[in-house]
Amino acid sequence: MASYAQFLGRKVTVQYRVGDVLLPASGTFAADSGRSIFLEQHVEQRGKRSYFRWEIPYQYIHKIEEVDEIPEPPAAPKAVPAEPEISQASAASAGAILSPSAASLLALPQRPKTV
């Protein structure tokens, strides 16, 4: 098996296999046990610092690359101002513009309540 000690302390992205799926993991290369590698990623959430640590066995590693900067997950979307309600007349005219299949999706029948 290959040794990955040359990546120690560096920021890396690893693709590893879980069943038939390849998953990405990125973080700082924290350790190499000779059988597995360990990645660490520091996260600040609600003012509290914590970290995640992955153990990835050698046989599951598909590809490992050193990166200059680890991409951060996208920030939470900002609140969008609510749009004013559409009157029934304008909604009916908008339905006339839509294709028949789209209009049928918009006009869902209400189900009767069961007891």
Protein backbone atom coordinates (compact mmCIF):
# COMPACT_ATOMS: atom_id res chain seq x y z
CA MET A 1 0.00 0.00 0.00
CA ALA A 2 1.08 3.57 -0.68
CA SER A 3 2.03 5.95 2.10
CA TYR A 4 0.44 9.38 2.09
CA ALA A 5 2.70 10.96 4.74
CA GLN A 6 3.90 13.62 2.27
CA PHE A 7 0.48 15.32 2.64
CA LEU A 8 0.76 15.67 6.45
CA GLY A 9 -0.45 19.10 7.60
CA ARG A 10 -1.56 20.15 4.12
CA LYS A 11 -5.02 20.96 2.82
CA VAL A 12 -6.28 18.16 0.60
CA THR A 13 -9.34 16.92 -1.23
CA VAL A 14 -9.90 13.17 -1.23
CA GLN A 15 -12.30 11.12 -3.32
CA TYR A 16 -13.10 7.87 -1.58
CA ARG A 17 -15.30 4.92 -2.46
CA VAL A 18 -18.34 3.88 -0.44
CA GLY A 19 -19.93 0.95 -2.20
CA ASP A 20 -20.47 2.02 -5.81
CA VAL A 21 -20.37 5.76 -5.01
CA LEU A 22 -17.40 8.15 -4.95
CA LEU A 23 -17.66 10.77 -2.22
CA PRO A 24 -15.50 13.88 -1.76
CA ALA A 25 -13.95 14.98 1.53
CA SER A 26 -11.79 18.04 2.07
CA GLY A 27 -9.81 19.17 5.05
CA THR A 28 -6.38 19.25 6.60
CA PHE A 29 -4.46 15.99 6.38
CA ALA A 30 -4.09 15.25 10.11
CA ALA A 31 -2.50 11.77 10.28
CA ASP A 32 -1.44 8.65 8.41
CA SER A 33 -1.58 5.42 10.42
CA GLY A 34 -0.18 3.21 7.68
CA ARG A 35 -3.63 1.70 7.11
CA SER A 36 -5.86 4.80 7.09
CA ILE A 37 -5.62 8.53 6.62
CA PHE A 38 -7.30 11.09 8.86
CA LEU A 39 -8.71 14.39 7.61
CA GLU A 40 -9.77 17.19 9.91
CA GLN A 41 -12.01 20.16 9.18
CA HIS A 42 -12.64 23.01 11.61
CA VAL A 43 -16.14 24.52 11.64
CA GLU A 44 -17.68 27.42 13.52
CA GLN A 45 -21.39 27.05 14.12
CA ARG A 46 -23.51 29.33 16.30
CA GLY A 47 -20.37 30.86 17.75
CA LYS A 48 -18.96 27.48 18.82
CA ARG A 49 -15.81 26.05 17.20
CA SER A 50 -15.81 22.34 16.56
CA TYR A 51 -14.17 19.97 14.14
CA PHE A 52 -14.95 16.93 12.07
CA ARG A 53 -12.47 14.13 11.61
CA TRP A 54 -12.68 11.47 8.92
CA GLU A 55 -10.86 8.16 8.92
CA ILE A 56 -10.52 6.81 5.40
CA PRO A 57 -8.90 3.37 4.97
CA TYR A 58 -6.29 3.12 2.21
CA GLN A 59 -8.33 0.61 0.17
CA TYR A 60 -11.23 3.11 -0.17
CA ILE A 61 -9.11 6.04 -1.42
CA HIS A 62 -9.69 6.73 -5.09
CA LYS A 63 -7.80 10.02 -5.51
CA ILE A 64 -6.06 12.49 -3.23
CA GLU A 65 -5.00 16.01 -4.27
CA GLU A 66 -3.39 18.91 -2.46
CA VAL A 67 -5.40 22.14 -2.74
CA ASP A 68 -4.45 25.75 -2.07
CA GLU A 69 -7.69 26.61 -0.31
CA ILE A 70 -10.55 24.40 0.85
CA PRO A 71 -13.89 25.57 -0.61
CA GLU A 72 -16.30 26.68 2.09
CA PRO A 73 -19.91 25.50 2.01
CA PRO A 74 -22.33 28.15 0.71
CA ALA A 75 -23.81 30.50 3.30
CA ALA A 76 -27.45 30.19 4.27
CA PRO A 77 -29.71 31.96 1.77
CA LYS A 78 -30.83 35.43 2.79
CA ALA A 79 -34.48 36.09 3.41
CA VAL A 80 -36.28 37.09 0.23
CA PRO A 81 -39.09 39.63 0.61
CA ALA A 82 -42.48 38.03 0.16
CA GLU A 83 -44.21 38.70 -3.14
CA PRO A 84 -47.71 40.17 -3.03
CA GLU A 85 -50.52 37.69 -3.51
CA ILE A 86 -51.86 37.30 -7.04
CA SER A 87 -55.55 37.91 -7.49
CA GLN A 88 -57.71 35.14 -8.94
CA ALA A 89 -58.24 37.09 -12.18
CA SER A 90 -54.53 37.49 -12.85
CA ALA A 91 -53.92 33.86 -11.83
CA ALA A 92 -56.56 32.75 -14.33
CA SER A 93 -54.96 34.77 -17.09
CA ALA A 94 -51.56 33.35 -16.16
CA GLY A 95 -53.02 29.85 -16.40
CA ALA A 96 -54.20 30.58 -19.94
CA ILE A 97 -50.61 31.32 -20.95
CA LEU A 98 -49.25 28.06 -19.54
CA SER A 99 -49.24 24.82 -21.46
CA PRO A 100 -52.10 22.40 -20.73
CA SER A 101 -49.84 20.04 -18.77
CA ALA A 102 -48.47 22.88 -16.60
CA ALA A 103 -51.96 24.25 -16.02
CA SER A 104 -53.18 20.85 -14.86
CA LEU A 105 -50.35 20.71 -12.34
CA LEU A 106 -51.27 24.11 -10.96
CA ALA A 107 -54.98 23.39 -10.67
CA LEU A 108 -54.88 20.42 -8.32
CA PRO A 109 -58.30 19.23 -7.20
CA GLN A 110 -58.95 19.31 -3.47
CA ARG A 111 -59.41 15.91 -1.88
CA PRO A 112 -62.54 15.29 0.17
CA LYS A 113 -61.93 14.99 3.88
CA THR A 114 -62.38 11.50 5.26
CA VAL A 115 -63.73 10.75 8.67
